[in-house]
Amino acid sequence: MVAMLDLIEKRGSIELSELTEDLGISPATARRDLGELADRSLILRTHGGASSLHRSLELPVGLRNTRHQDAKRAIARAMATRLPTDRYVVALSGGTTTAGVAGELRHHRDLAVVTNSLTIANLVSAFPGVRVVMTGGFLRPQSLELVGALAESTFNSVNVGTAILGTDGITAGAGVTTHDETEARTNHAMVSKAGHTVVVADASKIGHAALARCCRIDEIDMLITDDEADADELERIRCTGVEVVTVAV
């Protein structure tokens, strides 16, 4: 379904026959997937095909989790190895890459995780060496994150060693960005109280800017991405003083 959505976004509009040929699927499968994408308000069904809604698209978290999985796993492992093994406090924003980092924390002996992500809180609650601090806030169904003043108040009231931040886009000029401005403010509250901030983002996020800025580029200390990221943009980010780590996929 993600490949279908990408194809529609790329071409603007597409016929059913093109989808079946390009994706190697049956007409029945194509109609079913088009119906599901239309029900989620991600595309517009047309007679005999579909068209893009021509807007900045934020995929539901369930679909985002199917993209760039190898890169996200490698980035998550690289992040987890950089955390202290003794008592420590981390903050995790929502997102599929940060959820991957959370999954790598299962063997930590004494870690407090502060998060506004329902997905991450549910995941790490099963780890015996991890304590969970959950923010309040309004639930964003697209990302399963709690945002707004209540979430910001929680982040403002705790001391965090490392904030681990996901993103919808990062550039040297625009900084760290996301699709939703309320989510951006909540993420900035998390970053502002952290001693150290790391952005974890696969190559597709490098060089792209989303609607709202979470923080300036000089407010982060490290970017961990994969070796398919745009080399010129990574160099521009390095020139701002950010440590850039690339992992092999």
Protein backbone atom coordinates (compact mmCIF):
# COMPACT_ATOMS: atom_id res chain seq x y z
CA MET A 1 0.00 0.00 0.00
CA VAL A 2 2.87 2.39 0.71
CA ALA A 3 4.32 1.75 -2.76
CA MET A 4 0.91 2.53 -4.26
CA LEU A 5 0.65 5.76 -2.30
CA ASP A 6 4.16 6.80 -3.34
CA LEU A 7 3.29 6.16 -7.00
CA ILE A 8 0.11 8.23 -6.81
CA GLU A 9 1.91 11.09 -5.07
CA LYS A 10 4.67 11.03 -7.69
CA ARG A 11 2.39 11.04 -10.75
CA GLY A 12 -0.48 13.12 -9.42
CA SER A 13 -3.10 10.84 -10.93
CA ILE A 14 -3.05 7.25 -12.14
CA GLU A 15 -5.28 4.69 -13.83
CA LEU A 16 -6.10 1.31 -12.34
CA SER A 17 -4.39 -0.43 -15.26
CA GLU A 18 -1.16 1.47 -14.56
CA LEU A 19 -1.22 0.43 -10.90
CA THR A 20 -1.70 -3.23 -11.70
CA GLU A 21 1.09 -3.18 -14.28
CA ASP A 22 3.63 -1.11 -12.33
CA LEU A 23 3.07 -2.85 -8.98
CA GLY A 24 2.41 -6.35 -10.30
CA ILE A 25 -0.89 -6.72 -8.46
CA SER A 26 -4.37 -7.85 -9.48
CA PRO A 27 -7.18 -5.37 -10.23
CA ALA A 28 -9.07 -6.67 -7.18
CA THR A 29 -6.08 -5.97 -4.90
CA ALA A 30 -5.61 -2.53 -6.44
CA ARG A 31 -9.28 -1.62 -5.88
CA ARG A 32 -9.16 -2.85 -2.28
CA ASP A 33 -6.01 -0.86 -1.44
CA LEU A 34 -7.30 2.25 -3.21
CA GLY A 35 -10.47 2.01 -1.16
CA GLU A 36 -8.52 1.79 2.09
CA LEU A 37 -6.30 4.75 1.16
CA ALA A 38 -9.36 6.80 0.22
CA ASP A 39 -11.08 5.87 3.50
CA ARG A 40 -8.03 7.23 5.34
CA SER A 41 -8.29 10.49 3.31
CA LEU A 42 -4.84 9.88 1.79
CA ILE A 43 -5.98 9.89 -1.87
CA LEU A 44 -9.00 10.83 -3.97
CA ARG A 45 -10.74 8.00 -5.82
CA THR A 46 -11.55 8.76 -9.45
CA HIS A 47 -13.41 6.82 -12.12
CA GLY A 48 -10.98 4.06 -13.08
CA GLY A 49 -8.13 5.15 -10.81
CA ALA A 50 -7.04 7.68 -8.20
CA SER A 51 -5.39 11.07 -7.79
CA SER A 52 -3.21 12.76 -5.22
CA LEU A 53 -4.65 15.28 -2.81
CA HIS A 54 -1.68 17.55 -3.59
CA ARG A 55 -0.80 18.37 0.00
CA SER A 56 2.04 17.74 2.38
CA LEU A 57 1.29 14.19 3.41
CA GLU A 58 1.63 12.85 6.92
CA LEU A 59 1.26 9.10 6.82
CA PRO A 60 -0.51 7.35 9.71
CA VAL A 61 2.02 5.72 12.02
CA GLY A 62 0.98 2.23 10.90
CA LEU A 63 1.98 2.95 7.31
CA ARG A 64 5.14 4.86 8.21
CA ASN A 65 6.40 1.84 10.09
CA THR A 66 6.74 -0.10 6.82
CA ARG A 67 9.24 2.32 5.29
CA HIS A 68 13.05 2.19 5.44
CA GLN A 69 13.03 -0.56 8.06
CA ASP A 70 16.67 -1.65 7.67
CA ALA A 71 17.92 1.92 8.02
CA LYS A 72 15.74 2.56 11.06
CA ARG A 73 16.99 -0.58 12.80
CA ALA A 74 20.63 0.36 12.19
CA ILE A 75 20.04 3.92 13.41
CA ALA A 76 18.25 2.66 16.53
CA ARG A 77 21.13 0.34 17.43
CA ALA A 78 23.66 3.14 16.94
CA MET A 79 21.66 5.41 19.24
CA ALA A 80 21.19 2.81 21.96
CA THR A 81 24.91 2.04 22.16
CA ARG A 82 25.60 5.71 22.92
CA LEU A 83 23.50 5.76 26.09
CA PRO A 84 25.11 5.16 29.51
CA THR A 85 24.52 1.71 30.98
CA ASP A 86 24.06 2.97 34.56
CA ARG A 87 21.21 5.10 35.97
CA TYR A 88 20.09 7.62 33.37
CA VAL A 89 17.08 9.59 32.09
CA VAL A 90 16.14 9.87 28.42
CA ALA A 91 13.22 11.55 26.65
CA LEU A 92 11.79 10.05 23.49
CA SER A 93 9.50 11.79 21.04
CA GLY A 94 7.05 9.80 18.94
CA GLY A 95 7.93 8.27 15.60
CA THR A 96 8.90 4.96 14.08
CA THR A 97 12.66 5.54 14.39
CA THR A 98 12.45 6.57 18.04
CA ALA A 99 10.23 3.52 18.64
CA GLY A 100 13.08 1.47 17.19
CA VAL A 101 15.44 3.07 19.72
CA ALA A 102 12.98 2.22 22.50
CA GLY A 103 13.03 -1.41 21.44
CA GLU A 104 16.81 -1.48 21.87
CA LEU A 105 16.50 -0.48 25.56
CA ARG A 106 15.19 -3.85 26.77
CA HIS A 107 18.51 -4.83 28.40
CA HIS A 108 19.14 -1.52 30.19
CA ARG A 109 19.36 -1.98 33.97
CA ASP A 110 18.21 1.39 35.36
CA LEU A 111 16.69 3.80 32.88
CA ALA A 112 13.86 6.32 33.13
CA VAL A 113 12.08 7.06 29.85
CA VAL A 114 10.03 10.24 29.58
CA THR A 115 7.76 10.17 26.54
CA ASN A 116 4.57 11.56 25.04
CA SER A 117 4.23 8.56 22.70
CA LEU A 118 1.65 5.90 23.55
CA THR A 119 3.45 3.45 21.28
CA ILE A 120 6.78 3.89 23.05
CA ALA A 121 5.28 3.87 26.55
CA ASN A 122 3.51 0.60 25.82
CA LEU A 123 6.68 -0.93 24.38
CA VAL A 124 9.13 -0.05 27.17
CA SER A 125 6.65 -0.77 29.98
CA ALA A 126 7.49 -4.46 29.50
CA PHE A 127 11.22 -3.94 30.14
CA PRO A 128 12.13 -4.66 33.80
CA GLY A 129 15.00 -2.14 33.94
CA VAL A 130 12.99 0.76 32.51
CA ARG A 131 10.68 3.15 34.36
CA VAL A 132 8.18 5.14 32.29
CA VAL A 133 7.13 8.74 32.80
CA MET A 134 4.15 9.50 30.56
CA THR A 135 3.05 13.05 29.73
CA GLY A 136 -0.53 14.22 29.60
CA GLY A 137 -1.95 16.07 26.63
CA PHE A 138 -4.27 15.81 23.65
CA LEU A 139 -3.89 12.68 21.53
CA ARG A 140 -2.89 13.08 17.87
CA PRO A 141 -4.32 9.98 16.15
CA GLN A 142 -1.90 10.27 13.21
CA SER A 143 1.15 9.77 15.43
CA LEU A 144 -0.34 8.41 18.69
CA GLU A 145 1.43 11.22 20.56
CA LEU A 146 0.16 13.40 23.39
CA VAL A 147 0.72 17.09 22.62
CA GLY A 148 -0.14 20.54 23.91
CA ALA A 149 0.26 22.40 27.18
CA LEU A 150 -0.06 19.35 29.45
CA ALA A 151 2.66 17.48 27.58
CA GLU A 152 4.90 20.55 27.54
CA SER A 153 4.40 21.01 31.29
CA THR A 154 5.67 17.48 31.94
CA PHE A 155 8.79 17.98 29.85
CA ASN A 156 9.42 21.34 31.52
CA SER A 157 9.26 19.78 35.00
CA VAL A 158 11.85 16.98 34.56
CA ASN A 159 15.59 16.87 34.03
CA VAL A 160 16.66 14.75 31.07
CA GLY A 161 20.13 13.55 30.18
CA THR A 162 19.47 12.88 26.48
CA ALA A 163 16.49 13.82 24.34
CA ILE A 164 16.04 11.52 21.34
CA LEU A 165 14.03 13.27 18.69
CA GLY A 166 12.39 11.92 15.56
CA THR A 167 11.60 14.22 12.67
CA ASP A 168 9.69 14.59 9.42
CA GLY A 169 12.54 16.62 7.93
CA ILE A 170 15.86 18.21 8.80
CA THR A 171 18.03 20.76 7.02
CA ALA A 172 20.81 23.08 8.09
CA GLY A 173 18.63 26.11 7.37
CA ALA A 174 15.19 25.02 8.56
CA GLY A 175 16.37 22.93 11.50
CA VAL A 176 14.34 19.97 12.78
CA THR A 177 10.77 20.03 11.47
CA THR A 178 7.47 18.17 11.71
CA HIS A 179 4.06 18.28 10.03
CA ASP A 180 2.12 19.60 13.03
CA GLU A 181 2.83 22.88 14.84
CA THR A 182 1.44 21.72 18.20
CA GLU A 183 3.63 18.63 18.04
CA ALA A 184 6.57 20.89 17.18
CA ARG A 185 6.03 22.99 20.33
CA THR A 186 5.80 19.88 22.47
CA ASN A 187 9.01 18.50 20.99
CA HIS A 188 10.76 21.82 21.60
CA ALA A 189 9.78 21.66 25.27
CA MET A 190 11.42 18.23 25.44
CA VAL A 191 14.61 19.48 23.82
CA SER A 192 14.86 22.64 25.93
CA LYS A 193 15.22 20.64 29.18
CA ALA A 194 17.72 18.08 27.89
CA GLY A 195 21.42 18.13 28.52
CA HIS A 196 22.07 16.50 25.15
CA THR A 197 19.82 16.21 22.08
CA VAL A 198 20.12 13.62 19.32
CA VAL A 199 18.01 13.51 16.16
CA VAL A 200 17.46 10.06 14.66
CA ALA A 201 16.31 10.17 11.03
CA ASP A 202 16.64 7.94 7.98
CA ALA A 203 17.95 9.30 4.68
CA SER A 204 14.50 10.24 3.36
CA LYS A 205 14.24 13.00 6.00
CA ILE A 206 17.61 14.64 5.24
CA GLY A 207 17.36 17.80 3.14
CA HIS A 208 13.58 18.12 3.53
CA ALA A 209 11.65 20.66 5.61
CA ALA A 210 8.13 20.05 6.96
CA LEU A 211 5.63 22.68 8.08
CA ALA A 212 6.67 23.47 11.66
CA ARG A 213 10.09 23.77 13.30
CA CYS A 214 10.72 21.78 16.47
CA CYS A 215 14.11 23.37 17.08
CA ARG A 216 16.94 25.19 15.33
CA ILE A 217 19.83 23.16 14.02
CA ASP A 218 22.14 24.66 16.68
CA GLU A 219 19.89 23.27 19.42
CA ILE A 220 20.86 19.69 18.62
CA ASP A 221 24.15 17.99 19.35
CA MET A 222 24.09 14.94 17.09
CA LEU A 223 22.31 13.56 14.04
CA ILE A 224 22.28 9.81 13.42
CA THR A 225 21.23 8.81 9.92
CA ASP A 226 22.10 6.21 7.29
CA ASP A 227 24.67 6.23 4.51
CA GLU A 228 22.09 6.89 1.78
CA ALA A 229 21.47 10.43 3.06
CA ASP A 230 22.29 13.42 0.88
CA ALA A 231 26.01 14.04 1.39
CA ASP A 232 25.89 17.76 0.60
CA GLU A 233 23.14 18.41 3.14
CA LEU A 234 24.97 16.36 5.77
CA GLU A 235 28.06 18.50 5.20
CA ARG A 236 26.02 21.68 5.65
CA ILE A 237 24.66 20.28 8.91
CA ARG A 238 28.19 19.39 10.06
CA CYS A 239 29.29 22.96 9.36
CA THR A 240 26.77 24.21 11.95
CA GLY A 241 28.63 22.25 14.66
CA VAL A 242 26.35 19.19 14.78
CA GLU A 243 28.08 15.82 15.04
CA VAL A 244 26.82 13.67 12.16
CA VAL A 245 26.92 9.87 12.48
CA THR A 246 26.07 7.71 9.46
CA VAL A 247 25.36 4.00 9.72
CA ALA A 248 25.62 1.42 6.96
CA VAL A 249 22.38 -0.14 5.74
